[in-house]
Protein backbone atom coordinates (compact mmCIF):
# COMPACT_ATOMS: atom_id res chain seq x y z
CA MET A 1 -0.03 -0.05 -0.09
CA LYS A 2 1.54 3.80 -0.90
CA LYS A 3 2.74 5.52 1.92
CA THR A 4 0.14 8.31 3.15
CA SER A 5 0.32 11.83 2.04
CA LEU A 6 0.75 12.47 6.01
CA LEU A 7 4.03 10.53 6.00
CA GLU A 8 5.51 11.99 2.98
CA GLU A 9 4.59 15.63 3.87
CA GLU A 10 6.48 15.09 7.58
CA LYS A 11 9.36 13.80 5.05
CA ASN A 12 9.74 17.02 3.01
CA SER A 13 9.30 19.13 6.44
CA THR A 14 12.13 17.36 7.98
CA VAL A 15 14.35 17.23 4.79
CA LEU A 16 13.38 21.46 4.41
CA PHE A 17 14.04 21.87 8.27
CA LEU A 18 17.44 19.70 8.13
CA TRP A 19 18.69 22.08 5.01
CA LEU A 20 17.97 25.36 6.57
CA PHE A 21 19.33 24.39 9.86
CA TYR A 22 22.70 22.96 8.24
CA LEU A 23 22.97 26.25 6.20
CA VAL A 24 22.35 28.71 8.57
CA PHE A 25 24.51 26.46 11.42
CA PHE A 26 27.73 26.77 9.23
CA VAL A 27 27.42 29.93 7.62
CA TYR A 28 26.57 31.41 10.99
CA ASP A 29 29.45 29.94 12.50
CA ILE A 30 31.79 30.05 9.96
CA PHE A 31 31.21 33.94 9.45
CA TYR A 32 30.67 34.89 13.57
CA TYR A 33 33.83 32.62 14.55
CA ASN A 34 36.17 32.53 11.60
CA LEU A 35 35.80 35.55 9.25
CA PHE A 36 35.26 38.19 11.60
CA PRO A 37 37.39 37.04 14.59
CA ALA A 38 38.15 40.61 16.08
CA PHE A 39 34.85 41.30 16.67
CA PRO A 40 34.20 43.10 20.43
CA TRP A 41 32.14 40.47 21.68
CA LEU A 42 34.88 37.49 20.69
CA ASP A 43 37.88 36.67 23.25
CA VAL A 44 40.64 36.41 20.66
CA GLY A 45 42.60 34.60 23.40
CA THR A 46 40.61 31.10 23.26
CA ALA A 47 42.59 29.92 20.43
CA GLY A 48 44.22 26.66 21.59
CA THR A 49 41.70 26.42 24.53
CA ILE A 50 39.47 23.87 26.05
CA TRP A 51 36.34 25.81 24.03
CA TYR A 52 38.32 26.20 20.81
CA ASP A 53 39.13 22.26 20.56
CA PHE A 54 35.43 21.61 21.56
CA MET A 55 34.57 23.47 18.36
CA TYR A 56 36.06 20.95 16.52
CA VAL A 57 33.94 18.29 18.46
CA LYS A 58 30.78 20.05 18.22
CA TYR A 59 30.88 20.24 14.18
CA GLY A 60 31.52 16.33 14.25
CA VAL A 61 28.42 15.72 16.29
CA ILE A 62 26.49 17.38 14.29
CA ILE A 63 27.90 16.28 11.10
CA GLY A 64 27.96 12.63 12.15
CA LEU A 65 24.07 12.80 13.13
CA ILE A 66 23.66 12.97 9.11
CA PRO A 67 23.85 9.71 7.95
CA LEU A 68 21.42 8.56 11.14
CA PHE A 69 19.01 10.80 9.33
CA ILE A 70 19.44 9.72 5.86
CA TYR A 71 18.75 5.94 7.38
CA LEU A 72 15.73 7.29 9.66
CA ILE A 73 14.16 8.92 6.95
CA LYS A 74 14.11 5.90 4.48
CA LYS A 75 13.00 3.32 7.05
CA ASP A 76 10.02 6.12 7.66
CA LYS A 77 11.12 7.05 10.73
CA THR A 78 11.14 10.54 10.16
CA THR A 79 9.73 12.05 13.32
CA TYR A 80 12.82 11.12 15.55
CA VAL A 81 15.14 13.20 13.33
CA LYS A 82 13.81 16.32 14.35
CA TYR A 83 14.53 15.78 18.19
CA ILE A 84 17.48 13.85 17.52
CA LEU A 85 18.32 17.27 15.79
CA PHE A 86 17.58 19.40 18.45
CA PHE A 87 19.33 17.32 21.20
CA GLY A 88 22.41 17.49 19.86
CA TYR A 89 22.36 21.10 18.93
CA PHE A 90 21.08 21.57 22.32
CA ALA A 91 23.94 19.17 24.37
CA THR A 92 26.81 20.47 22.37
CA ASN A 93 25.64 24.42 22.45
CA LEU A 94 25.46 24.19 25.69
CA PHE A 95 28.88 23.05 26.77
CA SER A 96 30.36 25.05 24.46
CA ASP A 97 29.07 28.45 25.73
CA VAL A 98 29.85 26.98 29.22
CA LEU A 99 33.61 26.58 28.34
CA TYR A 100 33.79 29.23 26.05
CA PHE A 101 32.91 31.73 29.16
CA LYS A 102 33.60 30.16 32.39
CA ASP A 103 37.36 31.56 31.98
CA SER A 104 36.94 34.63 29.95
CA SER A 105 36.80 37.94 30.95
CA LEU A 106 34.09 39.01 28.71
CA VAL A 107 30.70 39.13 30.03
CA TYR A 108 28.12 36.12 28.45
CA THR A 109 26.47 37.43 25.64
CA SER A 110 24.49 34.95 22.79
CA GLY A 111 22.56 35.86 20.18
CA ASN A 112 22.63 32.71 18.36
CA LEU A 113 20.77 33.12 14.83
CA VAL A 114 20.29 29.42 15.08
CA GLU A 115 18.54 28.96 17.94
CA ILE A 116 15.56 31.69 16.17
CA ILE A 117 15.84 29.60 12.99
CA ILE A 118 14.87 26.65 15.00
CA ILE A 119 11.77 28.23 16.99
CA LEU A 120 10.41 30.13 14.51
CA PHE A 121 10.62 27.12 12.40
CA SER A 122 9.18 24.65 14.70
CA PRO A 123 5.42 25.16 13.15
CA ILE A 124 6.46 23.50 9.86
CA PHE A 125 5.76 20.28 11.69
CA VAL A 126 2.34 20.94 12.97
CA THR A 127 2.79 19.54 16.40
CA LYS A 128 2.61 21.41 19.47
CA LYS A 129 4.68 18.81 21.17
CA PHE A 130 7.84 19.66 19.09
CA THR A 131 7.57 23.67 19.50
CA TYR A 132 7.23 23.01 23.36
CA TYR A 133 10.13 20.99 23.21
CA VAL A 134 12.17 23.45 21.25
CA SER A 135 10.88 26.35 23.25
CA PHE A 136 11.67 25.25 27.00
CA GLY A 137 14.63 23.38 25.57
CA LEU A 138 16.78 26.48 24.54
CA ILE A 139 15.15 28.12 27.77
CA LEU A 140 16.61 25.53 29.94
CA LYS A 141 20.01 25.85 28.11
CA TYR A 142 20.15 29.25 29.31
CA VAL A 143 19.36 28.88 32.91
CA LEU A 144 21.63 26.31 33.43
CA VAL A 145 24.15 28.42 31.84
CA GLY A 146 23.21 31.07 33.95
CA LEU A 147 23.13 29.00 37.28
CA PHE A 148 27.11 27.50 36.00
CA LEU A 149 28.26 31.13 35.27
CA GLN A 150 26.64 33.00 38.10
CA ASP A 151 25.49 35.64 35.39
CA PRO A 152 22.04 37.21 35.56
CA VAL A 153 22.86 38.45 31.91
CA VAL A 154 20.89 34.91 30.42
CA VAL A 155 17.68 36.58 31.35
CA PHE A 156 17.98 38.76 28.00
CA PRO A 157 18.16 35.92 25.77
CA ILE A 158 15.03 34.14 27.78
CA ILE A 159 13.28 37.18 27.04
CA ILE A 160 14.26 36.72 23.36
CA THR A 161 13.46 32.83 23.12
CA THR A 162 9.84 33.39 24.98
CA VAL A 163 9.26 36.01 22.62
CA CYS A 164 10.19 34.11 19.76
CA SER A 165 8.17 31.28 21.32
CA PHE A 166 4.76 33.37 21.69
CA ILE A 167 5.61 33.74 17.84
CA ALA A 168 5.87 30.50 17.11
CA PHE A 169 2.73 29.42 18.95
CA LEU A 170 0.78 32.12 17.01
CA LEU A 171 1.85 30.85 13.53
CA LEU A 172 1.26 27.09 15.34
CA HIS A 173 -2.16 27.72 16.43
CA ARG A 174 -3.13 28.97 12.99
CA ILE A 175 -2.06 26.53 11.25
CA LEU A 176 -3.41 24.00 13.51
CA ASN A 177 -7.05 25.48 13.20
CA TYR A 178 -6.55 25.97 9.66
CA ILE A 179 -6.13 22.30 9.02
CA LYS A 180 -8.97 21.37 11.78
CA ALA A 181 -11.47 23.82 9.41
CA LEU A 182 -10.07 21.63 6.33
CA LYS A 183 -10.25 18.21 7.86
CA TYR A 184 -13.99 18.82 9.57
CA SER A 185 -15.20 20.02 6.30
CA TYR A 186 -13.76 16.56 4.65
CA ASP A 187 -14.96 14.50 6.97
CA GLU A 188 -18.13 15.87 6.42
CA GLN A 189 -18.04 15.41 2.43
CA LEU A 190 -16.84 11.84 3.51
CA GLU A 191 -19.39 10.82 5.26
CA GLY A 192 -22.01 11.29 2.96
CA ILE A 193 -20.35 9.69 0.10
CA VAL A 194 -19.69 6.93 2.17
CA LYS A 195 -23.69 6.90 3.33
CA GLY A 196 -24.77 7.56 0.15
CA VAL A 197 -22.64 4.56 -1.29
CA ILE A 198 -24.26 2.62 1.18
CA ALA A 199 -27.79 3.37 0.58
CA THR A 200 -27.15 2.24 -2.89
CA LEU A 201 -26.01 -1.51 -1.67
CA GLU A 202 -28.79 -1.16 0.22
CA LEU A 203 -31.24 -0.33 -2.87
CA LYS A 204 -29.19 -3.76 -3.97
CA ASP A 205 -29.66 -5.70 -1.25
CA PRO A 206 -32.85 -5.06 0.97
CA TYR A 207 -31.61 -7.15 3.59
CA THR A 208 -28.57 -5.65 4.64
CA ARG A 209 -30.18 -2.03 5.53
CA GLY A 210 -28.82 -1.10 8.71
CA HIS A 211 -25.74 -3.91 8.60
CA SER A 212 -22.94 -1.13 7.81
CA GLU A 213 -23.84 1.40 10.15
CA ARG A 214 -24.42 -1.72 12.91
CA VAL A 215 -20.96 -3.24 12.18
CA ALA A 216 -19.40 0.09 12.33
CA ALA A 217 -20.73 1.01 15.64
CA TYR A 218 -20.06 -2.73 17.44
CA ALA A 219 -16.28 -2.91 15.48
CA MET A 220 -15.85 1.08 17.19
CA SER A 221 -17.05 -0.25 20.24
CA MET A 222 -14.35 -3.33 20.59
CA ALA A 223 -11.60 -1.23 19.14
CA GLU A 224 -12.24 1.31 21.67
CA ALA A 225 -12.08 -1.39 24.36
CA THR A 226 -8.89 -2.90 23.71
CA ARG A 227 -7.43 0.77 24.44
CA ARG A 228 -4.91 0.55 21.79
CA PHE A 229 -5.75 3.24 19.92
CA LYS A 230 -6.87 6.74 20.13
CA PRO A 231 -9.71 8.25 19.34
CA SER A 232 -8.48 10.07 16.15
CA GLU A 233 -6.94 7.42 15.19
CA LEU A 234 -10.18 5.00 14.71
CA ASN A 235 -11.81 8.21 12.28
CA TYR A 236 -11.08 6.45 9.37
CA PHE A 237 -11.42 2.70 10.76
CA TYR A 238 -15.08 3.63 11.13
CA TYR A 239 -15.40 4.63 7.50
CA ALA A 240 -13.95 1.56 6.29
CA CYS A 241 -15.97 -0.45 8.76
CA LEU A 242 -19.01 1.15 6.60
CA LEU A 243 -17.61 0.19 3.23
CA HIS A 244 -16.77 -3.11 4.64
CA ASP A 245 -19.17 -5.16 2.48
CA ILE A 246 -19.25 -2.56 -0.72
CA GLY A 247 -17.68 -4.85 -3.13
CA LYS A 248 -20.87 -7.01 -2.89
CA VAL A 249 -22.06 -4.35 -5.36
CA SER A 250 -20.17 -6.33 -7.92
CA ILE A 251 -22.22 -9.53 -7.29
CA PRO A 252 -25.06 -10.08 -9.29
CA ASP A 253 -28.47 -9.93 -7.71
CA SER A 254 -29.54 -13.60 -8.15
CA ILE A 255 -26.73 -14.46 -6.20
CA LEU A 256 -26.97 -11.95 -3.37
CA THR A 257 -30.17 -12.24 -2.56
CA LYS A 258 -30.85 -16.37 -2.90
CA PRO A 259 -33.37 -17.97 -1.12
CA GLY A 260 -31.51 -20.98 -0.99
CA LYS A 261 -28.30 -22.33 -0.57
CA LEU A 262 -25.32 -21.34 -2.59
CA THR A 263 -23.41 -23.53 -5.31
CA ASP A 264 -20.07 -23.82 -5.10
CA GLU A 265 -19.52 -21.37 -7.77
CA GLU A 266 -21.86 -18.94 -6.62
CA TYR A 267 -19.88 -19.18 -3.36
CA ASP A 268 -16.75 -18.57 -5.32
CA ILE A 269 -18.31 -15.52 -6.32
CA ILE A 270 -19.58 -14.21 -3.00
CA LYS A 271 -15.85 -14.56 -2.05
CA THR A 272 -14.90 -11.98 -4.63
CA HIS A 273 -16.18 -9.23 -2.47
CA PRO A 274 -13.38 -7.91 0.03
CA VAL A 275 -11.11 -7.76 -2.97
CA VAL A 276 -13.13 -5.83 -5.34
CA GLY A 277 -13.92 -3.58 -2.24
CA ALA A 278 -10.45 -2.91 -1.31
CA GLU A 279 -9.57 -1.93 -4.99
CA ALA A 280 -12.70 0.48 -4.58
CA ILE A 281 -11.07 2.73 -1.79
CA ARG A 282 -7.80 1.94 -2.60
CA GLU A 283 -6.97 5.61 -3.67
CA VAL A 284 -8.95 7.25 -1.00
CA ASP A 285 -7.26 9.06 1.30
CA GLY A 286 -7.57 8.10 4.85
CA ILE A 287 -10.26 5.43 4.48
CA ALA A 288 -7.24 3.67 1.85
CA ASP A 289 -4.99 3.35 5.47
CA ASN A 290 -7.86 0.80 6.69
CA ILE A 291 -8.11 -1.15 3.45
CA ASP A 292 -7.26 -4.16 5.61
CA VAL A 293 -9.95 -3.90 7.35
CA ILE A 294 -12.22 -4.50 3.89
CA TYR A 295 -9.59 -6.87 2.15
CA TYR A 296 -9.47 -9.21 5.43
CA HIS A 297 -12.55 -9.14 7.16
CA HIS A 298 -13.58 -12.69 6.30
CA GLU A 299 -10.42 -14.41 7.11
CA ARG A 300 -10.51 -16.64 10.20
CA TRP A 301 -8.05 -17.53 13.14
CA ASP A 302 -7.62 -20.95 12.18
CA GLY A 303 -6.75 -19.64 8.54
CA LYS A 304 -9.92 -21.53 7.07
CA GLY A 305 -11.11 -18.14 5.94
CA TYR A 306 -10.42 -15.56 2.54
CA PRO A 307 -9.79 -14.19 0.30
CA GLU A 308 -5.73 -15.18 1.46
CA ARG A 309 -6.32 -17.77 4.26
CA LEU A 310 -4.30 -16.11 6.98
CA ALA A 311 -4.23 -17.27 10.17
CA GLY A 312 -3.59 -15.98 13.57
CA GLU A 313 -1.68 -12.70 14.13
CA ASP A 314 -1.22 -12.40 10.49
CA ILE A 315 -4.46 -11.14 10.37
CA PRO A 316 -4.49 -7.45 10.68
CA PHE A 317 -5.59 -6.37 14.56
CA LEU A 318 -8.49 -4.35 12.99
CA ALA A 319 -9.65 -6.90 10.49
CA ARG A 320 -9.82 -9.23 13.52
CA ILE A 321 -12.05 -7.05 15.02
CA THR A 322 -14.38 -6.00 12.12
CA ALA A 323 -14.54 -9.70 11.37
CA ILE A 324 -16.53 -10.82 14.93
CA ALA A 325 -18.71 -7.59 14.56
CA ASP A 326 -19.54 -8.17 11.19
CA ALA A 327 -20.17 -12.15 12.24
CA PHE A 328 -22.28 -10.98 15.51
CA ASP A 329 -24.55 -8.86 13.11
CA ALA A 330 -25.01 -11.51 10.26
CA MET A 331 -26.43 -13.71 12.75
CA THR A 332 -29.10 -11.38 14.56
CA SER A 333 -30.01 -9.96 11.06
CA SER A 334 -32.39 -11.78 8.52
CA ARG A 335 -31.60 -12.73 5.54
CA SER A 336 -33.17 -13.95 2.28
CA TYR A 337 -32.30 -17.82 3.09
CA ARG A 338 -33.31 -17.76 7.03
CA PRO A 339 -34.36 -15.64 10.19
CA ALA A 340 -32.43 -13.77 12.37
CA LEU A 341 -31.07 -15.70 15.61
CA GLN A 342 -31.79 -14.61 19.09
CA PHE A 343 -29.15 -12.39 20.47
CA GLU A 344 -28.60 -15.16 23.44
CA GLU A 345 -27.76 -17.51 20.46
CA ALA A 346 -25.57 -15.25 18.60
CA HIS A 347 -23.52 -14.01 21.59
CA GLN A 348 -22.97 -18.09 22.58
CA ARG A 349 -21.90 -19.12 18.66
CA ILE A 350 -19.54 -16.16 18.68
CA ILE A 351 -17.85 -17.71 22.08
CA ASP A 352 -18.01 -20.99 20.45
CA GLY A 353 -15.67 -19.46 17.80
CA GLN A 354 -13.05 -18.66 20.07
CA GLY A 355 -9.48 -20.01 18.81
CA SER A 356 -11.22 -21.44 15.65
CA GLN A 357 -12.87 -18.31 13.81
CA PHE A 358 -12.06 -15.49 16.10
CA ASP A 359 -9.02 -13.84 18.10
CA PRO A 360 -9.10 -15.68 21.52
CA GLN A 361 -8.46 -12.43 23.19
CA LEU A 362 -10.80 -10.49 21.48
CA ILE A 363 -13.58 -13.17 22.42
CA ASP A 364 -12.53 -12.11 25.98
CA ILE A 365 -13.61 -8.08 25.16
CA PHE A 366 -16.57 -9.19 23.58
CA LYS A 367 -17.87 -11.04 26.20
CA GLU A 368 -17.37 -7.56 28.47
CA ILE A 369 -18.89 -5.33 25.94
CA TYR A 370 -21.67 -8.14 24.98
CA PRO A 371 -24.41 -5.97 26.93
CA GLU A 372 -23.28 -2.83 24.97
CA TRP A 373 -23.57 -4.22 21.63
CA VAL A 374 -27.34 -5.33 22.47
CA ARG A 375 -27.70 -1.70 23.38
CA ILE A 376 -26.34 -0.56 19.44
CA SER A 377 -28.69 -2.96 17.72
CA LYS A 378 -31.90 -1.94 20.00
CA ASN A 379 -30.92 1.84 19.53
CA HIS A 380 -29.90 1.18 16.08
CA GLN A 381 -33.69 -0.71 15.50
CA LYS A 382 -35.56 2.66 17.47
CA GLY A 383 -33.95 4.54 15.39
CA MET A 384 -34.94 2.74 11.79
CA ASP A 385 -38.94 2.47 13.09
CA LEU A 386 -38.51 6.18 14.25
CA ARG A 387 -37.31 6.74 10.09
CA GLY A 388 -40.61 4.34 9.10
CA GLY A 389 -37.65 1.72 8.00
CA THR A 390 -38.12 -1.99 8.56
CA GLU A 391 -35.92 -4.82 9.28
CA ALA A 392 -36.95 -8.17 7.11
């Protein structure tokens, strides 16, 4: 499955940030310490000192991180790059400042352009965590330098850092609000499209009326009960659950609504719907990240499912959840070939499938949330009755 656009944007932002950092870092340091060594804020007697030697260590550390950054970017672990870069810079610069001024006759001064660049450009990653990390990290650096040198002059760079951080947070706040508005608009449009597609499928097979919504509600309930996901991580999972049977649009009506038992040939046609459904949503941003839910929701824990006969933990976790939700609703809903089972009987059949059809650990969770699933079904039925719907 192709990489998500979000990951690509993270990579692009990181690469841009790295180029900017290294360009400013080396140009600034060469300009500041070498081209103009006689500036009044520099101590010309530093040549040959520990500080002078440490500058080469500092350059070595910062340059030595480049191969690591390239490796992490190639391995899609881009998130770590900016944190490692800042920590490496923070640590080396802290020692550099302390070594430079501890035996110097000069009053402590620091107006590092690199730090300003890091703070002001931190919002390009669109994450409060990194902006906090940078802002408080630089303030901590000056506090530590002030304590070590016993020099209150560090208050001035702390104020400058605070002001720049405030500007960065204003920019970040505007960016996040804009993204939130775009996401809300996109989600609304996507939900409308998804429900329109489901309505079309229900017109083709009226016996599935409400099936997709109930399966999505059951699956969300179980996913939340696992406590493995943040609510934001389950947003597109919900849409994928709604569309888990979308591939059935390719199944002939004569097979889909057949009142009797299917032949082997007809059943083989039915088994194509996960593959067709997965292909249908492959290019849809967001939902495509949960394509496994559509493709693998008919796999079995014992490897006797379809389309690829995966077994055990080879089956994607969210697909295992969807499989239980789908089976439970299928049993408690009427079909053209049989009436609905009572909840108690469906409950027992799901438990009987523990370790054979279903993930054993998820069945333990199912036992706990079963009363909630009953409420979901009854509430959904009431909603359909209010709209004048019927459940065959």
